[in-house]
Amino acid sequence: MAYYSGFVVAVPTANKSAYAAHARKGWPYFEKLGATRLIEAWGDAVPDGKLTDMKKAVQAKSDETVVFSWIEWPDKATADAADRKMREDPAMAELGKDMPFDGKRMIYGGFAPLYDSAAG
């Protein structure tokens, strides 16, 4: 069953093109580790909440846009193996050197599907 690594990050709005280029550059690496899909979604309608919201979660500033992204893996075992490899791989550290956002404010997690409309 598919497994998902999900991320929310605040990106300086001026860095939209650099962020997209960073995502395109990173995709072959994730694909090599077994990922089947990478989605990077630029915030278009991210409302302010009364108690909490996506902007607050990543401490987004007024000149930043929230990005919601996920990597699809064929299963949790592949995602876990990729995570272990990324933590030890100097190539991942190299990829992280030119991130067009503050990675310290990124939130992320692994997610098992609960319902998939495509599965019927």
PDB file of N, CA and C in Angstrom:
ATOM      1  N   MET A   1       0.839  -1.173   0.000  1.00  0.00           N
ATOM      2  CA  MET A   1       0.000   0.000   0.000  1.00  0.00           C
ATOM      3  C   MET A   1       0.886   1.239   0.000  1.00  0.00           C
ATOM      4  N   ALA A   2       0.512   2.251  -0.746  1.00  0.00           N
ATOM      5  CA  ALA A   2       1.288   3.487  -0.843  1.00  0.00           C
ATOM      6  C   ALA A   2       1.499   4.111   0.535  1.00  0.00           C
ATOM      7  N   TYR A   3       2.530   4.934   0.615  1.00  0.00           N
ATOM      8  CA  TYR A   3       2.869   5.649   1.844  1.00  0.00           C
ATOM      9  C   TYR A   3       3.302   7.044   1.430  1.00  0.00           C
ATOM     10  N   TYR A   4       3.077   8.036   2.291  1.00  0.00           N
ATOM     11  CA  TYR A   4       3.339   9.421   1.927  1.00  0.00           C
ATOM     12  C   TYR A   4       4.208  10.121   2.964  1.00  0.00           C
ATOM     13  N   SER A   5       5.178  10.860   2.493  1.00  0.00           N
ATOM     14  CA  SER A   5       5.945  11.782   3.325  1.00  0.00           C
ATOM     15  C   SER A   5       5.395  13.163   3.018  1.00  0.00           C
ATOM     16  N   GLY A   6       4.858  13.846   4.030  1.00  0.00           N
ATOM     17  CA  GLY A   6       4.238  15.149   3.816  1.00  0.00           C
ATOM     18  C   GLY A   6       5.034  16.265   4.462  1.00  0.00           C
ATOM     19  N   PHE A   7       4.988  17.433   3.845  1.00  0.00           N
ATOM     20  CA  PHE A   7       5.780  18.579   4.283  1.00  0.00           C
ATOM     21  C   PHE A   7       4.975  19.870   4.146  1.00  0.00           C
ATOM     22  N   VAL A   8       5.183  20.777   5.078  1.00  0.00           N
ATOM     23  CA  VAL A   8       4.667  22.143   4.974  1.00  0.00           C
ATOM     24  C   VAL A   8       5.835  23.058   5.305  1.00  0.00           C
ATOM     25  N   VAL A   9       6.052  24.066   4.472  1.00  0.00           N
ATOM     26  CA  VAL A   9       7.191  24.965   4.652  1.00  0.00           C
ATOM     27  C   VAL A   9       6.801  26.372   4.207  1.00  0.00           C
ATOM     28  N   ALA A  10       7.438  27.368   4.805  1.00  0.00           N
ATOM     29  CA  ALA A  10       7.262  28.757   4.381  1.00  0.00           C
ATOM     30  C   ALA A  10       8.417  29.118   3.456  1.00  0.00           C
ATOM     31  N   VAL A  11       8.079  29.596   2.268  1.00  0.00           N
ATOM     32  CA  VAL A  11       9.089  29.953   1.270  1.00  0.00           C
ATOM     33  C   VAL A  11       8.969  31.441   0.964  1.00  0.00           C
ATOM     34  N   PRO A  12      10.083  32.178   0.988  1.00  0.00           N
ATOM     35  CA  PRO A  12       9.982  33.575   0.569  1.00  0.00           C
ATOM     36  C   PRO A  12       9.318  33.647  -0.816  1.00  0.00           C
ATOM     37  N   THR A  13       8.282  34.440  -0.916  1.00  0.00           N
ATOM     38  CA  THR A  13       7.525  34.525  -2.163  1.00  0.00           C
ATOM     39  C   THR A  13       8.431  34.861  -3.341  1.00  0.00           C
ATOM     40  N   ALA A  14       9.437  35.664  -3.117  1.00  0.00           N
ATOM     41  CA  ALA A  14      10.386  36.017  -4.180  1.00  0.00           C
ATOM     42  C   ALA A  14      11.199  34.815  -4.661  1.00  0.00           C
ATOM     43  N   ASN A  15      11.211  33.731  -3.884  1.00  0.00           N
ATOM     44  CA  ASN A  15      11.994  32.540  -4.240  1.00  0.00           C
ATOM     45  C   ASN A  15      11.159  31.460  -4.929  1.00  0.00           C
ATOM     46  N   LYS A  16       9.983  31.805  -5.438  1.00  0.00           N
ATOM     47  CA  LYS A  16       9.114  30.794  -6.046  1.00  0.00           C
ATOM     48  C   LYS A  16       9.824  30.037  -7.164  1.00  0.00           C
ATOM     49  N   SER A  17      10.471  30.737  -8.075  1.00  0.00           N
ATOM     50  CA  SER A  17      11.166  30.067  -9.177  1.00  0.00           C
ATOM     51  C   SER A  17      12.326  29.222  -8.677  1.00  0.00           C
ATOM     52  N   ALA A  18      13.062  29.733  -7.702  1.00  0.00           N
ATOM     53  CA  ALA A  18      14.184  28.974  -7.139  1.00  0.00           C
ATOM     54  C   ALA A  18      13.678  27.725  -6.429  1.00  0.00           C
ATOM     55  N   TYR A  19      12.532  27.834  -5.756  1.00  0.00           N
ATOM     56  CA  TYR A  19      11.957  26.676  -5.074  1.00  0.00           C
ATOM     57  C   TYR A  19      11.538  25.616  -6.089  1.00  0.00           C
ATOM     58  N   ALA A  20      10.882  26.038  -7.156  1.00  0.00           N
ATOM     59  CA  ALA A  20      10.471  25.096  -8.201  1.00  0.00           C
ATOM     60  C   ALA A  20      11.687  24.409  -8.819  1.00  0.00           C
ATOM     61  N   ALA A  21      12.745  25.161  -9.051  1.00  0.00           N
ATOM     62  CA  ALA A  21      13.978  24.580  -9.604  1.00  0.00           C
ATOM     63  C   ALA A  21      14.590  23.592  -8.618  1.00  0.00           C
ATOM     64  N   HIS A  22      14.556  23.921  -7.337  1.00  0.00           N
ATOM     65  CA  HIS A  22      15.076  23.041  -6.290  1.00  0.00           C
ATOM     66  C   HIS A  22      14.294  21.717  -6.281  1.00  0.00           C
ATOM     67  N   ALA A  23      12.983  21.802  -6.418  1.00  0.00           N
ATOM     68  CA  ALA A  23      12.138  20.601  -6.450  1.00  0.00           C
ATOM     69  C   ALA A  23      12.467  19.742  -7.669  1.00  0.00           C
ATOM     70  N   ARG A  24      12.602  20.377  -8.826  1.00  0.00           N
ATOM     71  CA  ARG A  24      12.939  19.620 -10.045  1.00  0.00           C
ATOM     72  C   ARG A  24      14.306  18.956  -9.912  1.00  0.00           C
ATOM     73  N   LYS A  25      15.238  19.651  -9.290  1.00  0.00           N
ATOM     74  CA  LYS A  25      16.581  19.105  -9.086  1.00  0.00           C
ATOM     75  C   LYS A  25      16.547  17.915  -8.115  1.00  0.00           C
ATOM     76  N   GLY A  26      15.690  17.971  -7.117  1.00  0.00           N
ATOM     77  CA  GLY A  26      15.621  16.915  -6.119  1.00  0.00           C
ATOM     78  C   GLY A  26      14.871  15.677  -6.565  1.00  0.00           C
ATOM     79  N   TRP A  27      13.926  15.819  -7.503  1.00  0.00           N
ATOM     80  CA  TRP A  27      13.095  14.690  -7.907  1.00  0.00           C
ATOM     81  C   TRP A  27      13.902  13.461  -8.344  1.00  0.00           C
ATOM     82  N   PRO A  28      14.900  13.584  -9.218  1.00  0.00           N
ATOM     83  CA  PRO A  28      15.625  12.372  -9.625  1.00  0.00           C
ATOM     84  C   PRO A  28      16.251  11.615  -8.443  1.00  0.00           C
ATOM     85  N   TYR A  29      16.660  12.352  -7.428  1.00  0.00           N
ATOM     86  CA  TYR A  29      17.239  11.723  -6.237  1.00  0.00           C
ATOM     87  C   TYR A  29      16.176  10.883  -5.520  1.00  0.00           C
ATOM     88  N   PHE A  30      15.004  11.468  -5.284  1.00  0.00           N
ATOM     89  CA  PHE A  30      13.926  10.740  -4.610  1.00  0.00           C
ATOM     90  C   PHE A  30      13.438   9.568  -5.457  1.00  0.00           C
ATOM     91  N   GLU A  31      13.374   9.777  -6.751  1.00  0.00           N
ATOM     92  CA  GLU A  31      12.944   8.701  -7.649  1.00  0.00           C
ATOM     93  C   GLU A  31      13.921   7.525  -7.581  1.00  0.00           C
ATOM     94  N   LYS A  32      15.205   7.841  -7.529  1.00  0.00           N
ATOM     95  CA  LYS A  32      16.230   6.798  -7.420  1.00  0.00           C
ATOM     96  C   LYS A  32      16.052   5.989  -6.131  1.00  0.00           C
ATOM     97  N   LEU A  33      15.543   6.624  -5.091  1.00  0.00           N
ATOM     98  CA  LEU A  33      15.318   5.948  -3.810  1.00  0.00           C
ATOM     99  C   LEU A  33      13.995   5.179  -3.766  1.00  0.00           C
ATOM    100  N   GLY A  34      13.226   5.254  -4.850  1.00  0.00           N
ATOM    101  CA  GLY A  34      11.983   4.482  -4.928  1.00  0.00           C
ATOM    102  C   GLY A  34      10.703   5.283  -4.907  1.00  0.00           C
ATOM    103  N   ALA A  35      10.782   6.613  -4.819  1.00  0.00           N
ATOM    104  CA  ALA A  35       9.568   7.436  -4.826  1.00  0.00           C
ATOM    105  C   ALA A  35       8.857   7.296  -6.167  1.00  0.00           C
ATOM    106  N   THR A  36       7.532   7.315  -6.125  1.00  0.00           N
ATOM    107  CA  THR A  36       6.757   7.196  -7.354  1.00  0.00           C
ATOM    108  C   THR A  36       6.176   8.539  -7.813  1.00  0.00           C
ATOM    109  N   ARG A  37       6.197   9.531  -6.908  1.00  0.00           N
ATOM    110  CA  ARG A  37       5.617  10.831  -7.256  1.00  0.00           C
ATOM    111  C   ARG A  37       6.067  11.880  -6.250  1.00  0.00           C
ATOM    112  N   LEU A  38       6.245  13.106  -6.737  1.00  0.00           N
ATOM    113  CA  LEU A  38       6.556  14.252  -5.891  1.00  0.00           C
ATOM    114  C   LEU A  38       5.611  15.376  -6.287  1.00  0.00           C
ATOM    115  N   ILE A  39       4.916  15.922  -5.311  1.00  0.00           N
ATOM    116  CA  ILE A  39       4.013  17.046  -5.555  1.00  0.00           C
ATOM    117  C   ILE A  39       4.488  18.225  -4.719  1.00  0.00           C
ATOM    118  N   GLU A  40       4.641  19.364  -5.347  1.00  0.00           N
ATOM    119  CA  GLU A  40       4.964  20.623  -4.668  1.00  0.00           C
ATOM    120  C   GLU A  40       3.817  21.579  -4.989  1.00  0.00           C
ATOM    121  N   ALA A  41       3.070  21.987  -3.990  1.00  0.00           N
ATOM    122  CA  ALA A  41       1.891  22.830  -4.207  1.00  0.00           C
ATOM    123  C   ALA A  41       2.093  24.192  -3.541  1.00  0.00           C
ATOM    124  N   TRP A  42       2.133  25.228  -4.366  1.00  0.00           N
ATOM    125  CA  TRP A  42       2.343  26.605  -3.915  1.00  0.00           C
ATOM    126  C   TRP A  42       1.052  27.153  -3.327  1.00  0.00           C
ATOM    127  N   GLY A  43       1.095  27.701  -2.146  1.00  0.00           N
ATOM    128  CA  GLY A  43      -0.100  28.212  -1.474  1.00  0.00           C
ATOM    129  C   GLY A  43      -0.835  29.245  -2.304  1.00  0.00           C
ATOM    130  N   ASP A  44      -2.118  29.014  -2.496  1.00  0.00           N
ATOM    131  CA  ASP A  44      -2.940  29.893  -3.303  1.00  0.00           C
ATOM    132  C   ASP A  44      -4.077  30.490  -2.476  1.00  0.00           C
ATOM    133  N   ALA A  45      -4.608  29.691  -1.567  1.00  0.00           N
ATOM    134  CA  ALA A  45      -5.708  30.139  -0.708  1.00  0.00           C
ATOM    135  C   ALA A  45      -5.488  29.504   0.664  1.00  0.00           C
ATOM    136  N   VAL A  46      -4.616  30.119   1.447  1.00  0.00           N
ATOM    137  CA  VAL A  46      -4.258  29.597   2.771  1.00  0.00           C
ATOM    138  C   VAL A  46      -4.767  30.600   3.801  1.00  0.00           C
ATOM    139  N   PRO A  47      -5.964  30.338   4.344  1.00  0.00           N
ATOM    140  CA  PRO A  47      -6.590  31.323   5.227  1.00  0.00           C
ATOM    141  C   PRO A  47      -5.936  31.402   6.605  1.00  0.00           C
ATOM    142  N   ASP A  48      -6.098  32.560   7.215  1.00  0.00           N
ATOM    143  CA  ASP A  48      -5.687  32.730   8.605  1.00  0.00           C
ATOM    144  C   ASP A  48      -6.727  32.064   9.481  1.00  0.00           C
ATOM    145  N   GLY A  49      -6.262  31.319  10.473  1.00  0.00           N
ATOM    146  CA  GLY A  49      -7.182  30.678  11.407  1.00  0.00           C
ATOM    147  C   GLY A  49      -7.284  31.482  12.686  1.00  0.00           C
ATOM    148  N   LYS A  50      -8.281  31.175  13.494  1.00  0.00           N
ATOM    149  CA  LYS A  50      -8.441  31.860  14.777  1.00  0.00           C
ATOM    150  C   LYS A  50      -7.512  31.270  15.824  1.00  0.00           C
ATOM    151  N   LEU A  51      -7.374  29.965  15.827  1.00  0.00           N
ATOM    152  CA  LEU A  51      -6.542  29.297  16.818  1.00  0.00           C
ATOM    153  C   LEU A  51      -5.190  28.886  16.228  1.00  0.00           C
ATOM    154  N   THR A  52      -5.237  28.235  15.078  1.00  0.00           N
ATOM    155  CA  THR A  52      -4.013  27.821  14.397  1.00  0.00           C
ATOM    156  C   THR A  52      -4.286  27.733  12.903  1.00  0.00           C
ATOM    157  N   ASP A  53      -3.252  27.648  12.122  1.00  0.00           N
ATOM    158  CA  ASP A  53      -3.385  27.497  10.677  1.00  0.00           C
ATOM    159  C   ASP A  53      -2.028  27.096  10.110  1.00  0.00           C
ATOM    160  N   MET A  54      -1.972  26.892   8.817  1.00  0.00           N
ATOM    161  CA  MET A  54      -0.727  26.434   8.193  1.00  0.00           C
ATOM    162  C   MET A  54       0.370  27.497   8.273  1.00  0.00           C
ATOM    163  N   LYS A  55      -0.008  28.757   8.182  1.00  0.00           N
ATOM    164  CA  LYS A  55       0.985  29.835   8.277  1.00  0.00           C
ATOM    165  C   LYS A  55       1.629  29.854   9.656  1.00  0.00           C
ATOM    166  N   LYS A  56       0.793  29.752  10.688  1.00  0.00           N
ATOM    167  CA  LYS A  56       1.322  29.747  12.052  1.00  0.00           C
ATOM    168  C   LYS A  56       2.193  28.518  12.304  1.00  0.00           C
ATOM    169  N   ALA A  57       1.805  27.399  11.724  1.00  0.00           N
ATOM    170  CA  ALA A  57       2.545  26.153  11.950  1.00  0.00           C
ATOM    171  C   ALA A  57       4.003  26.268  11.510  1.00  0.00           C
ATOM    172  N   VAL A  58       4.255  27.049  10.450  1.00  0.00           N
ATOM    173  CA  VAL A  58       5.622  27.200   9.949  1.00  0.00           C
ATOM    174  C   VAL A  58       6.171  28.613  10.182  1.00  0.00           C
ATOM    175  N   GLN A  59       5.454  29.390  10.996  1.00  0.00           N
ATOM    176  CA  GLN A  59       5.859  30.753  11.330  1.00  0.00           C
ATOM    177  C   GLN A  59       6.107  31.590  10.074  1.00  0.00           C
ATOM    178  N   ALA A  60       5.189  31.467   9.106  1.00  0.00           N
ATOM    179  CA  ALA A  60       5.327  32.210   7.853  1.00  0.00           C
ATOM    180  C   ALA A  60       5.258  33.705   8.092  1.00  0.00           C
ATOM    181  N   LYS A  61       6.157  34.418   7.440  1.00  0.00           N
ATOM    182  CA  LYS A  61       6.176  35.874   7.510  1.00  0.00           C
ATOM    183  C   LYS A  61       5.314  36.438   6.383  1.00  0.00           C
ATOM    184  N   SER A  62       5.047  37.724   6.431  1.00  0.00           N
ATOM    185  CA  SER A  62       4.157  38.346   5.446  1.00  0.00           C
ATOM    186  C   SER A  62       4.700  38.267   4.016  1.00  0.00           C
ATOM    187  N   ASP A  63       5.998  38.110   3.866  1.00  0.00           N
ATOM    188  CA  ASP A  63       6.586  38.015   2.526  1.00  0.00           C
ATOM    189  C   ASP A  63       6.892  36.568   2.130  1.00  0.00           C
ATOM    190  N   GLU A  64       6.237  35.612   2.799  1.00  0.00           N
ATOM    191  CA  GLU A  64       6.442  34.196   2.510  1.00  0.00           C
ATOM    192  C   GLU A  64       5.122  33.534   2.110  1.00  0.00           C
ATOM    193  N   THR A  65       5.238  32.469   1.340  1.00  0.00           N
ATOM    194  CA  THR A  65       4.091  31.681   0.899  1.00  0.00           C
ATOM    195  C   THR A  65       4.230  30.276   1.471  1.00  0.00           C
ATOM    196  N   VAL A  66       3.123  29.709   1.921  1.00  0.00           N
ATOM    197  CA  VAL A  66       3.132  28.342   2.438  1.00  0.00           C
ATOM    198  C   VAL A  66       3.109  27.359   1.270  1.00  0.00           C
ATOM    199  N   VAL A  67       3.978  26.370   1.350  1.00  0.00           N
ATOM    200  CA  VAL A  67       4.032  25.306   0.351  1.00  0.00           C
ATOM    201  C   VAL A  67       3.679  23.997   1.047  1.00  0.00           C
ATOM    202  N   PHE A  68       2.801  23.241   0.421  1.00  0.00           N
ATOM    203  CA  PHE A  68       2.378  21.927   0.904  1.00  0.00           C
ATOM    204  C   PHE A  68       2.891  20.917  -0.112  1.00  0.00           C
ATOM    205  N   SER A  69       3.649  19.947   0.346  1.00  0.00           N
ATOM    206  CA  SER A  69       4.192  18.981  -0.607  1.00  0.00           C
ATOM    207  C   SER A  69       4.171  17.583  -0.019  1.00  0.00           C
ATOM    208  N   TRP A  70       4.275  16.627  -0.912  1.00  0.00           N
ATOM    209  CA  TRP A  70       4.353  15.253  -0.456  1.00  0.00           C
ATOM    210  C   TRP A  70       5.086  14.397  -1.476  1.00  0.00           C
ATOM    211  N   ILE A  71       5.682  13.352  -0.946  1.00  0.00           N
ATOM    212  CA  ILE A  71       6.345  12.346  -1.764  1.00  0.00           C
ATOM    213  C   ILE A  71       5.545  11.068  -1.597  1.00  0.00           C
ATOM    214  N   GLU A  72       5.205  10.439  -2.704  1.00  0.00           N
ATOM    215  CA  GLU A  72       4.498   9.170  -2.660  1.00  0.00           C
ATOM    216  C   GLU A  72       5.504   8.040  -2.833  1.00  0.00           C
ATOM    217  N   TRP A  73       5.396   7.069  -1.962  1.00  0.00           N
ATOM    218  CA  TRP A  73       6.250   5.875  -1.997  1.00  0.00           C
ATOM    219  C   TRP A  73       5.381   4.652  -2.253  1.00  0.00           C
ATOM    220  N   PRO A  74       5.925   3.593  -2.786  1.00  0.00           N
ATOM    221  CA  PRO A  74       5.099   2.403  -3.015  1.00  0.00           C
ATOM    222  C   PRO A  74       4.607   1.761  -1.714  1.00  0.00           C
ATOM    223  N   ASP A  75       5.380   1.957  -0.625  1.00  0.00           N
ATOM    224  CA  ASP A  75       5.007   1.388   0.671  1.00  0.00           C
ATOM    225  C   ASP A  75       5.873   2.020   1.766  1.00  0.00           C
ATOM    226  N   LYS A  76       5.517   1.755   3.018  1.00  0.00           N
ATOM    227  CA  LYS A  76       6.248   2.323   4.151  1.00  0.00           C
ATOM    228  C   LYS A  76       7.686   1.816   4.216  1.00  0.00           C
ATOM    229  N   ALA A  77       7.903   0.567   3.871  1.00  0.00           N
ATOM    230  CA  ALA A  77       9.256   0.009   3.914  1.00  0.00           C
ATOM    231  C   ALA A  77      10.195   0.778   2.974  1.00  0.00           C
ATOM    232  N   THR A  78       9.714   1.122   1.793  1.00  0.00           N
ATOM    233  CA  THR A  78      10.533   1.891   0.841  1.00  0.00           C
ATOM    234  C   THR A  78      10.794   3.287   1.391  1.00  0.00           C
ATOM    235  N   ALA A  79       9.781   3.915   1.969  1.00  0.00           N
ATOM    236  CA  ALA A  79       9.949   5.255   2.552  1.00  0.00           C
ATOM    237  C   ALA A  79      10.945   5.227   3.702  1.00  0.00           C
ATOM    238  N   ASP A  80      10.843   4.224   4.566  1.00  0.00           N
ATOM    239  CA  ASP A  80      11.760   4.107   5.703  1.00  0.00           C
ATOM    240  C   ASP A  80      13.198   3.877   5.236  1.00  0.00           C
ATOM    241  N   ALA A  81      13.366   3.025   4.225  1.00  0.00           N
ATOM    242  CA  ALA A  81      14.709   2.761   3.691  1.00  0.00           C
ATOM    243  C   ALA A  81      15.280   4.027   3.055  1.00  0.00           C
ATOM    244  N   ALA A  82      14.456   4.769   2.343  1.00  0.00           N
ATOM    245  CA  ALA A  82      14.905   6.021   1.723  1.00  0.00           C
ATOM    246  C   ALA A  82      15.301   7.027   2.799  1.00  0.00           C
ATOM    247  N   ASP A  83      14.519   7.112   3.862  1.00  0.00           N
ATOM    248  CA  ASP A  83      14.823   8.037   4.959  1.00  0.00           C
ATOM    249  C   ASP A  83      16.182   7.706   5.571  1.00  0.00           C
ATOM    250  N   ARG A  84      16.430   6.442   5.825  1.00  0.00           N
ATOM    251  CA  ARG A  84      17.734   6.034   6.392  1.00  0.00           C
ATOM    252  C   ARG A  84      18.867   6.410   5.442  1.00  0.00           C
ATOM    253  N   LYS A  85      18.683   6.131   4.152  1.00  0.00           N
ATOM    254  CA  LYS A  85      19.722   6.438   3.167  1.00  0.00           C
ATOM    255  C   LYS A  85      19.972   7.940   3.090  1.00  0.00           C
ATOM    256  N   MET A  86      18.901   8.740   3.093  1.00  0.00           N
ATOM    257  CA  MET A  86      19.057  10.195   2.986  1.00  0.00           C
ATOM    258  C   MET A  86      19.825  10.764   4.175  1.00  0.00           C
ATOM    259  N   ARG A  87      19.589  10.220   5.351  1.00  0.00           N
ATOM    260  CA  ARG A  87      20.273  10.716   6.551  1.00  0.00           C
ATOM    261  C   ARG A  87      21.780  10.463   6.505  1.00  0.00           C
ATOM    262  N   GLU A  88      22.190   9.444   5.761  1.00  0.00           N
ATOM    263  CA  GLU A  88      23.607   9.071   5.693  1.00  0.00           C
ATOM    264  C   GLU A  88      24.294   9.517   4.414  1.00  0.00           C
ATOM    265  N   ASP A  89      23.543   9.991   3.438  1.00  0.00           N
ATOM    266  CA  ASP A  89      24.079  10.268   2.108  1.00  0.00           C
ATOM    267  C   ASP A  89      24.612  11.699   1.980  1.00  0.00           C
ATOM    268  N   PRO A  90      25.899  11.850   1.682  1.00  0.00           N
ATOM    269  CA  PRO A  90      26.452  13.197   1.476  1.00  0.00           C
ATOM    270  C   PRO A  90      25.762  13.946   0.332  1.00  0.00           C
ATOM    271  N   ALA A  91      25.213  13.242  -0.639  1.00  0.00           N
ATOM    272  CA  ALA A  91      24.512  13.900  -1.749  1.00  0.00           C
ATOM    273  C   ALA A  91      23.277  14.645  -1.242  1.00  0.00           C
ATOM    274  N   MET A  92      22.629  14.107  -0.229  1.00  0.00           N
ATOM    275  CA  MET A  92      21.462  14.782   0.340  1.00  0.00           C
ATOM    276  C   MET A  92      21.891  16.055   1.068  1.00  0.00           C
ATOM    277  N   ALA A  93      22.999  15.979   1.757  1.00  0.00           N
ATOM    278  CA  ALA A  93      23.527  17.168   2.429  1.00  0.00           C
ATOM    279  C   ALA A  93      23.870  18.239   1.387  1.00  0.00           C
ATOM    280  N   GLU A  94      24.411  17.817   0.274  1.00  0.00           N
ATOM    281  CA  GLU A  94      24.755  18.748  -0.801  1.00  0.00           C
ATOM    282  C   GLU A  94      23.492  19.392  -1.373  1.00  0.00           C
ATOM    283  N   LEU A  95      22.451  18.588  -1.582  1.00  0.00           N
ATOM    284  CA  LEU A  95      21.185  19.098  -2.090  1.00  0.00           C
ATOM    285  C   LEU A  95      20.585  20.113  -1.125  1.00  0.00           C
ATOM    286  N   GLY A  96      20.786  19.903   0.172  1.00  0.00           N
ATOM    287  CA  GLY A  96      20.235  20.791   1.187  1.00  0.00           C
ATOM    288  C   GLY A  96      20.973  22.101   1.356  1.00  0.00           C
ATOM    289  N   LYS A  97      22.149  22.230   0.765  1.00  0.00           N
ATOM    290  CA  LYS A  97      22.938  23.456   0.922  1.00  0.00           C
ATOM    291  C   LYS A  97      22.292  24.683   0.285  1.00  0.00           C
ATOM    292  N   ASP A  98      21.581  24.490  -0.807  1.00  0.00           N
ATOM    293  CA  ASP A  98      21.033  25.650  -1.526  1.00  0.00           C
ATOM    294  C   ASP A  98      19.507  25.718  -1.428  1.00  0.00           C
ATOM    295  N   MET A  99      18.963  25.324  -0.290  1.00  0.00           N
ATOM    296  CA  MET A  99      17.512  25.377  -0.121  1.00  0.00           C
ATOM    297  C   MET A  99      17.041  26.830  -0.121  1.00  0.00           C
ATOM    298  N   PRO A 100      16.036  27.149  -0.925  1.00  0.00           N
ATOM    299  CA  PRO A 100      15.531  28.528  -1.000  1.00  0.00           C
ATOM    300  C   PRO A 100      14.495  28.850   0.083  1.00  0.00           C
ATOM    301  N   PHE A 101      14.647  28.256   1.260  1.00  0.00           N
ATOM    302  CA  PHE A 101      13.742  28.493   2.379  1.00  0.00           C
ATOM    303  C   PHE A 101      14.455  28.083   3.661  1.00  0.00           C
ATOM    304  N   ASP A 102      13.854  28.424   4.790  1.00  0.00           N
ATOM    305  CA  ASP A 102      14.408  28.089   6.101  1.00  0.00           C
ATOM    306  C   ASP A 102      13.908  26.710   6.522  1.00  0.00           C
ATOM    307  N   GLY A 103      14.760  25.720   6.371  1.00  0.00           N
ATOM    308  CA  GLY A 103      14.387  24.346   6.678  1.00  0.00           C
ATOM    309  C   GLY A 103      14.069  24.101   8.143  1.00  0.00           C
ATOM    310  N   LYS A 104      14.510  24.979   9.026  1.00  0.00           N
ATOM    311  CA  LYS A 104      14.233  24.804  10.456  1.00  0.00           C
ATOM    312  C   LYS A 104      12.748  24.983  10.777  1.00  0.00           C
ATOM    313  N   ARG A 105      12.013  25.652   9.886  1.00  0.00           N
ATOM    314  CA  ARG A 105      10.581  25.873  10.123  1.00  0.00           C
ATOM    315  C   ARG A 105       9.705  24.894   9.340  1.00  0.00           C
ATOM    316  N   MET A 106      10.316  23.924   8.699  1.00  0.00           N
ATOM    317  CA  MET A 106       9.554  22.926   7.957  1.00  0.00           C
ATOM    318  C   MET A 106       8.939  21.924   8.938  1.00  0.00           C
ATOM    319  N   ILE A 107       7.681  21.559   8.686  1.00  0.00           N
ATOM    320  CA  ILE A 107       7.079  20.479   9.462  1.00  0.00           C
ATOM    321  C   ILE A 107       6.856  19.312   8.504  1.00  0.00           C
ATOM    322  N   TYR A 108       6.996  18.108   9.007  1.00  0.00           N
ATOM    323  CA  TYR A 108       6.895  16.948   8.126  1.00  0.00           C
ATOM    324  C   TYR A 108       6.475  15.721   8.921  1.00  0.00           C
ATOM    325  N   GLY A 109       6.078  14.710   8.199  1.00  0.00           N
ATOM    326  CA  GLY A 109       5.701  13.454   8.823  1.00  0.00           C
ATOM    327  C   GLY A 109       5.414  12.404   7.774  1.00  0.00           C
ATOM    328  N   GLY A 110       5.265  11.174   8.221  1.00  0.00           N
ATOM    329  CA  GLY A 110       4.915  10.062   7.355  1.00  0.00           C
ATOM    330  C   GLY A 110       3.452   9.695   7.564  1.00  0.00           C
ATOM    331  N   PHE A 111       2.779   9.340   6.470  1.00  0.00           N
ATOM    332  CA  PHE A 111       1.342   9.118   6.526  1.00  0.00           C
ATOM    333  C   PHE A 111       0.929   7.861   5.763  1.00  0.00           C
ATOM    334  N   ALA A 112       0.143   7.024   6.440  1.00  0.00           N
ATOM    335  CA  ALA A 112      -0.439   5.841   5.819  1.00  0.00           C
ATOM    336  C   ALA A 112      -1.835   6.201   5.341  1.00  0.00           C
ATOM    337  N   PRO A 113      -2.208   5.793   4.141  1.00  0.00           N
ATOM    338  CA  PRO A 113      -3.538   6.129   3.635  1.00  0.00           C
ATOM    339  C   PRO A 113      -4.650   5.566   4.514  1.00  0.00           C
ATOM    340  N   LEU A 114      -5.650   6.364   4.729  1.00  0.00           N
ATOM    341  CA  LEU A 114      -6.835   5.955   5.463  1.00  0.00           C
ATOM    342  C   LEU A 114      -7.976   5.688   4.481  1.00  0.00           C
ATOM    343  N   TYR A 115      -8.054   6.546   3.455  1.00  0.00           N
ATOM    344  CA  TYR A 115      -9.065   6.402   2.398  1.00  0.00           C
ATOM    345  C   TYR A 115      -8.469   6.935   1.111  1.00  0.00           C
ATOM    346  N   ASP A 116      -8.669   6.225   0.020  1.00  0.00           N
ATOM    347  CA  ASP A 116      -8.186   6.634  -1.288  1.00  0.00           C
ATOM    348  C   ASP A 116      -9.331   6.496  -2.276  1.00  0.00           C
ATOM    349  N   SER A 117      -9.850   7.602  -2.772  1.00  0.00           N
ATOM    350  CA  SER A 117     -10.994   7.565  -3.679  1.00  0.00           C
ATOM    351  C   SER A 117     -10.665   6.809  -4.970  1.00  0.00           C
ATOM    352  N   ALA A 118      -9.401   6.804  -5.364  1.00  0.00           N
ATOM    353  CA  ALA A 118      -8.999   6.105  -6.582  1.00  0.00           C
ATOM    354  C   ALA A 118      -9.039   4.586  -6.398  1.00  0.00           C
ATOM    355  N   ALA A 119      -8.969   4.142  -5.153  1.00  0.00           N
ATOM    356  CA  ALA A 119      -8.956   2.706  -4.881  1.00  0.00           C
ATOM    357  C   ALA A 119     -10.371   2.118  -4.869  1.00  0.00           C
ATOM    358  N   GLY A 120     -11.369   2.995  -4.874  1.00  0.00           N
ATOM    359  CA  GLY A 120     -12.742   2.509  -4.933  1.00  0.00           C
ATOM    360  C   GLY A 120     -13.479   2.409  -3.663  1.00  0.00           C
TER     361      GLY A 120
END
